[in-house]
Amino acid sequence: MADAVQETLTHRLVLPRDANHHGTLYAGSLLTLALEAGYATAYRVAGARANLVLKRVLDLRCYTPVPVGSVIAIRGCEVHRARAQVVVALYGEPLAGRIRPWMDGLMQFVQVDARGLPEPLDSPEPGGAEGELAAPWSELRERARRLLRIRG
């Protein structure tokens, strides 16, 4: 059985200002929401002294149009950690009446010092990132590993 995984949970009401001309979540707003959820997840991993920067968006996929008025939920979890970096996975909880996530993604953050140079994370212990993970985190971790190999 997998150890308990520390997750973050972000909720947001999709407003007209977040919408495109179809009345659904605009891609730029999706990126903003995903980045906020990703940063919150990475911050919890890095601890109270976190000074994180986004290194790259490894992957971000939107599977379902999200209409204005929807309350969305994004879960986040650490799926990989190295000395000064963490990769977090994001999972958009299925919308009402759906079974698949509305989005998912992977983001890589780096802990930096005052000069902007990589600095080791305070917490050397991966929070489930290297152990066994349940779905959807196990699948997202495998995707991250493939993408890091491609782009690493």
C-alpha atoms as a PDB file:
ATOM      1  CA  MET A   1       0.000   0.000   0.000  1.00  0.00           C
ATOM      2  CA  ALA A   2       1.260   3.481  -0.844  1.00  0.00           C
ATOM      3  CA  ASP A   3       2.188   5.887   1.931  1.00  0.00           C
ATOM      4  CA  ALA A   4      -0.061   8.864   2.480  1.00  0.00           C
ATOM      5  CA  VAL A   5       0.756  11.476  -0.135  1.00  0.00           C
ATOM      6  CA  GLN A   6       0.687  15.158   0.731  1.00  0.00           C
ATOM      7  CA  GLU A   7      -1.608  16.912  -1.728  1.00  0.00           C
ATOM      8  CA  THR A   8      -2.681  20.482  -2.200  1.00  0.00           C
ATOM      9  CA  LEU A   9      -6.190  21.383  -3.229  1.00  0.00           C
ATOM     10  CA  THR A  10      -7.080  24.579  -5.070  1.00  0.00           C
ATOM     11  CA  HIS A  11     -10.644  25.685  -5.855  1.00  0.00           C
ATOM     12  CA  ARG A  12     -11.680  28.494  -8.169  1.00  0.00           C
ATOM     13  CA  LEU A  13     -14.914  29.855  -9.598  1.00  0.00           C
ATOM     14  CA  VAL A  14     -14.575  30.416 -13.357  1.00  0.00           C
ATOM     15  CA  LEU A  15     -15.743  33.986 -13.978  1.00  0.00           C
ATOM     16  CA  PRO A  16     -16.595  35.808 -17.223  1.00  0.00           C
ATOM     17  CA  ARG A  17     -13.179  37.526 -17.079  1.00  0.00           C
ATOM     18  CA  ASP A  18     -11.604  34.024 -17.323  1.00  0.00           C
ATOM     19  CA  ALA A  19     -13.556  33.114 -20.454  1.00  0.00           C
ATOM     20  CA  ASN A  20     -12.854  33.066 -24.159  1.00  0.00           C
ATOM     21  CA  HIS A  21     -15.371  33.968 -26.875  1.00  0.00           C
ATOM     22  CA  HIS A  22     -17.032  30.545 -26.443  1.00  0.00           C
ATOM     23  CA  GLY A  23     -17.884  31.235 -22.794  1.00  0.00           C
ATOM     24  CA  THR A  24     -15.408  28.651 -21.544  1.00  0.00           C
ATOM     25  CA  LEU A  25     -12.124  28.887 -19.664  1.00  0.00           C
ATOM     26  CA  TYR A  26      -9.556  30.790 -21.737  1.00  0.00           C
ATOM     27  CA  ALA A  27      -6.167  29.075 -22.191  1.00  0.00           C
ATOM     28  CA  GLY A  28      -4.313  31.999 -20.601  1.00  0.00           C
ATOM     29  CA  SER A  29      -6.506  31.754 -17.513  1.00  0.00           C
ATOM     30  CA  LEU A  30      -5.930  27.993 -17.401  1.00  0.00           C
ATOM     31  CA  LEU A  31      -2.174  28.623 -17.387  1.00  0.00           C
ATOM     32  CA  THR A  32      -2.537  31.129 -14.557  1.00  0.00           C
ATOM     33  CA  LEU A  33      -4.677  28.777 -12.459  1.00  0.00           C
ATOM     34  CA  ALA A  34      -2.343  25.845 -13.099  1.00  0.00           C
ATOM     35  CA  LEU A  35       0.726  27.907 -12.181  1.00  0.00           C
ATOM     36  CA  GLU A  36      -0.873  29.074  -8.930  1.00  0.00           C
ATOM     37  CA  ALA A  37      -1.821  25.492  -8.007  1.00  0.00           C
ATOM     38  CA  GLY A  38       1.618  24.233  -9.029  1.00  0.00           C
ATOM     39  CA  TYR A  39       3.426  26.881  -7.011  1.00  0.00           C
ATOM     40  CA  ALA A  40       1.286  26.157  -3.932  1.00  0.00           C
ATOM     41  CA  THR A  41       2.179  22.474  -4.240  1.00  0.00           C
ATOM     42  CA  ALA A  42       5.897  23.166  -4.687  1.00  0.00           C
ATOM     43  CA  TYR A  43       5.833  25.646  -1.795  1.00  0.00           C
ATOM     44  CA  ARG A  44       4.504  22.961   0.556  1.00  0.00           C
ATOM     45  CA  VAL A  45       7.308  20.662  -0.584  1.00  0.00           C
ATOM     46  CA  ALA A  46      10.028  23.304  -0.182  1.00  0.00           C
ATOM     47  CA  GLY A  47       8.862  24.496   3.225  1.00  0.00           C
ATOM     48  CA  ALA A  48       8.511  27.875   4.877  1.00  0.00           C
ATOM     49  CA  ARG A  49      11.797  29.198   3.456  1.00  0.00           C
ATOM     50  CA  ALA A  50      10.695  28.488  -0.114  1.00  0.00           C
ATOM     51  CA  ASN A  51      12.108  30.806  -2.759  1.00  0.00           C
ATOM     52  CA  LEU A  52      10.952  29.037  -5.894  1.00  0.00           C
ATOM     53  CA  VAL A  53      10.985  29.919  -9.557  1.00  0.00           C
ATOM     54  CA  LEU A  54       9.257  28.117 -12.376  1.00  0.00           C
ATOM     55  CA  LYS A  55      11.849  26.382 -14.516  1.00  0.00           C
ATOM     56  CA  ARG A  56       9.436  24.987 -17.071  1.00  0.00           C
ATOM     57  CA  VAL A  57       5.988  23.675 -17.767  1.00  0.00           C
ATOM     58  CA  LEU A  58       6.702  20.096 -18.750  1.00  0.00           C
ATOM     59  CA  ASP A  59       3.158  19.369 -19.849  1.00  0.00           C
ATOM     60  CA  LEU A  60      -0.290  20.913 -19.556  1.00  0.00           C
ATOM     61  CA  ARG A  61      -3.383  19.352 -21.072  1.00  0.00           C
ATOM     62  CA  CYS A  62      -6.992  20.508 -21.080  1.00  0.00           C
ATOM     63  CA  TYR A  63      -9.467  17.715 -21.828  1.00  0.00           C
ATOM     64  CA  THR A  64     -12.844  19.373 -21.314  1.00  0.00           C
ATOM     65  CA  PRO A  65     -14.150  22.895 -21.956  1.00  0.00           C
ATOM     66  CA  VAL A  66     -14.928  24.514 -18.608  1.00  0.00           C
ATOM     67  CA  PRO A  67     -17.966  26.839 -18.742  1.00  0.00           C
ATOM     68  CA  VAL A  68     -18.234  30.117 -16.868  1.00  0.00           C
ATOM     69  CA  GLY A  69     -19.868  29.493 -13.487  1.00  0.00           C
ATOM     70  CA  SER A  70     -18.060  26.200 -12.887  1.00  0.00           C
ATOM     71  CA  VAL A  71     -16.179  25.696  -9.648  1.00  0.00           C
ATOM     72  CA  ILE A  72     -13.014  23.842 -10.568  1.00  0.00           C
ATOM     73  CA  ALA A  73     -10.712  21.878  -8.288  1.00  0.00           C
ATOM     74  CA  ILE A  74      -7.040  21.199  -8.978  1.00  0.00           C
ATOM     75  CA  ARG A  75      -5.152  18.692  -6.849  1.00  0.00           C
ATOM     76  CA  GLY A  76      -1.363  18.896  -6.727  1.00  0.00           C
ATOM     77  CA  CYS A  77       1.308  16.410  -5.683  1.00  0.00           C
ATOM     78  CA  GLU A  78       5.093  16.151  -5.762  1.00  0.00           C
ATOM     79  CA  VAL A  79       6.160  13.446  -8.229  1.00  0.00           C
ATOM     80  CA  HIS A  80       9.928  14.020  -8.519  1.00  0.00           C
ATOM     81  CA  ARG A  81      12.601  15.759  -6.507  1.00  0.00           C
ATOM     82  CA  ALA A  82      16.271  16.461  -7.021  1.00  0.00           C
ATOM     83  CA  ARG A  83      18.733  18.506  -4.958  1.00  0.00           C
ATOM     84  CA  ALA A  84      17.295  21.969  -5.738  1.00  0.00           C
ATOM     85  CA  GLN A  85      14.228  21.185  -7.800  1.00  0.00           C
ATOM     86  CA  VAL A  86      10.811  19.639  -7.544  1.00  0.00           C
ATOM     87  CA  VAL A  87       8.370  18.468 -10.201  1.00  0.00           C
ATOM     88  CA  VAL A  88       4.716  18.691  -9.266  1.00  0.00           C
ATOM     89  CA  ALA A  89       1.773  17.029 -10.970  1.00  0.00           C
ATOM     90  CA  LEU A  90      -1.613  18.678 -11.277  1.00  0.00           C
ATOM     91  CA  TYR A  91      -4.950  16.906 -11.658  1.00  0.00           C
ATOM     92  CA  GLY A  92      -8.207  18.712 -12.412  1.00  0.00           C
ATOM     93  CA  GLU A  93     -10.995  16.925 -10.565  1.00  0.00           C
ATOM     94  CA  PRO A  94     -13.706  15.808 -13.016  1.00  0.00           C
ATOM     95  CA  LEU A  95     -16.461  18.349 -13.573  1.00  0.00           C
ATOM     96  CA  ALA A  96     -20.046  17.490 -12.589  1.00  0.00           C
ATOM     97  CA  GLY A  97     -21.357  14.572 -14.626  1.00  0.00           C
ATOM     98  CA  ARG A  98     -17.886  13.623 -15.942  1.00  0.00           C
ATOM     99  CA  ILE A  99     -15.473  10.854 -15.016  1.00  0.00           C
ATOM    100  CA  ARG A 100     -12.252  12.129 -16.598  1.00  0.00           C
ATOM    101  CA  PRO A 101     -10.172  15.031 -15.303  1.00  0.00           C
ATOM    102  CA  TRP A 102     -10.773  18.356 -16.985  1.00  0.00           C
ATOM    103  CA  MET A 103      -7.007  19.004 -17.050  1.00  0.00           C
ATOM    104  CA  ASP A 104      -3.693  17.674 -15.877  1.00  0.00           C
ATOM    105  CA  GLY A 105      -0.126  18.850 -16.015  1.00  0.00           C
ATOM    106  CA  LEU A 106       3.459  18.814 -14.793  1.00  0.00           C
ATOM    107  CA  MET A 107       5.588  21.758 -13.676  1.00  0.00           C
ATOM    108  CA  GLN A 108       9.213  21.954 -12.599  1.00  0.00           C
ATOM    109  CA  PHE A 109      10.264  24.476  -9.937  1.00  0.00           C
ATOM    110  CA  VAL A 110      13.754  25.323  -8.685  1.00  0.00           C
ATOM    111  CA  GLN A 111      14.708  26.627  -5.254  1.00  0.00           C
ATOM    112  CA  VAL A 112      17.019  29.648  -5.668  1.00  0.00           C
ATOM    113  CA  ASP A 113      19.150  31.819  -3.390  1.00  0.00           C
ATOM    114  CA  ALA A 114      19.175  35.642  -3.253  1.00  0.00           C
ATOM    115  CA  ARG A 115      21.355  35.747  -6.391  1.00  0.00           C
ATOM    116  CA  GLY A 116      18.946  33.525  -8.330  1.00  0.00           C
ATOM    117  CA  LEU A 117      21.237  30.487  -8.268  1.00  0.00           C
ATOM    118  CA  PRO A 118      19.961  26.989  -7.467  1.00  0.00           C
ATOM    119  CA  GLU A 119      19.995  26.204  -3.761  1.00  0.00           C
ATOM    120  CA  PRO A 120      19.274  22.820  -2.136  1.00  0.00           C
ATOM    121  CA  LEU A 121      15.785  22.295  -0.788  1.00  0.00           C
ATOM    122  CA  ASP A 122      15.540  22.347   3.017  1.00  0.00           C
ATOM    123  CA  SER A 123      13.644  19.094   3.127  1.00  0.00           C
ATOM    124  CA  PRO A 124      15.777  16.312   1.617  1.00  0.00           C
ATOM    125  CA  GLU A 125      13.070  13.699   2.116  1.00  0.00           C
ATOM    126  CA  PRO A 126      10.797  13.232  -0.898  1.00  0.00           C
ATOM    127  CA  GLY A 127       7.164  13.374   0.175  1.00  0.00           C
ATOM    128  CA  GLY A 128       6.105  10.253  -1.681  1.00  0.00           C
ATOM    129  CA  ALA A 129       7.838  11.293  -4.909  1.00  0.00           C
ATOM    130  CA  GLU A 130      10.204   8.335  -4.972  1.00  0.00           C
ATOM    131  CA  GLY A 131       7.943   5.781  -3.313  1.00  0.00           C
ATOM    132  CA  GLU A 132       4.857   4.056  -4.580  1.00  0.00           C
ATOM    133  CA  LEU A 133       2.095   6.409  -5.699  1.00  0.00           C
ATOM    134  CA  ALA A 134      -1.536   5.684  -6.416  1.00  0.00           C
ATOM    135  CA  ALA A 135      -3.409   6.897  -9.486  1.00  0.00           C
ATOM    136  CA  PRO A 136      -3.444   9.516 -10.875  1.00  0.00           C
ATOM    137  CA  TRP A 137      -0.014  10.410  -9.444  1.00  0.00           C
ATOM    138  CA  SER A 138       1.751   7.253 -10.622  1.00  0.00           C
ATOM    139  CA  GLU A 139       0.747   7.885 -14.251  1.00  0.00           C
ATOM    140  CA  LEU A 140       1.711  11.546 -14.051  1.00  0.00           C
ATOM    141  CA  ARG A 141       5.072  10.637 -12.491  1.00  0.00           C
ATOM    142  CA  GLU A 142       5.780   8.270 -15.387  1.00  0.00           C
ATOM    143  CA  ARG A 143       4.877  11.005 -17.874  1.00  0.00           C
ATOM    144  CA  ALA A 144       7.223  13.395 -16.032  1.00  0.00           C
ATOM    145  CA  ARG A 145      10.054  10.871 -16.191  1.00  0.00           C
ATOM    146  CA  ARG A 146       9.578  10.455 -19.933  1.00  0.00           C
ATOM    147  CA  LEU A 147       9.484  14.209 -20.503  1.00  0.00           C
ATOM    148  CA  LEU A 148      12.506  14.891 -18.303  1.00  0.00           C
ATOM    149  CA  ARG A 149      14.452  12.267 -20.254  1.00  0.00           C
ATOM    150  CA  ILE A 150      13.417  13.914 -23.542  1.00  0.00           C
ATOM    151  CA  ARG A 151      14.146  17.459 -22.437  1.00  0.00           C
ATOM    152  CA  GLY A 152      16.788  16.767 -19.788  1.00  0.00           C
END
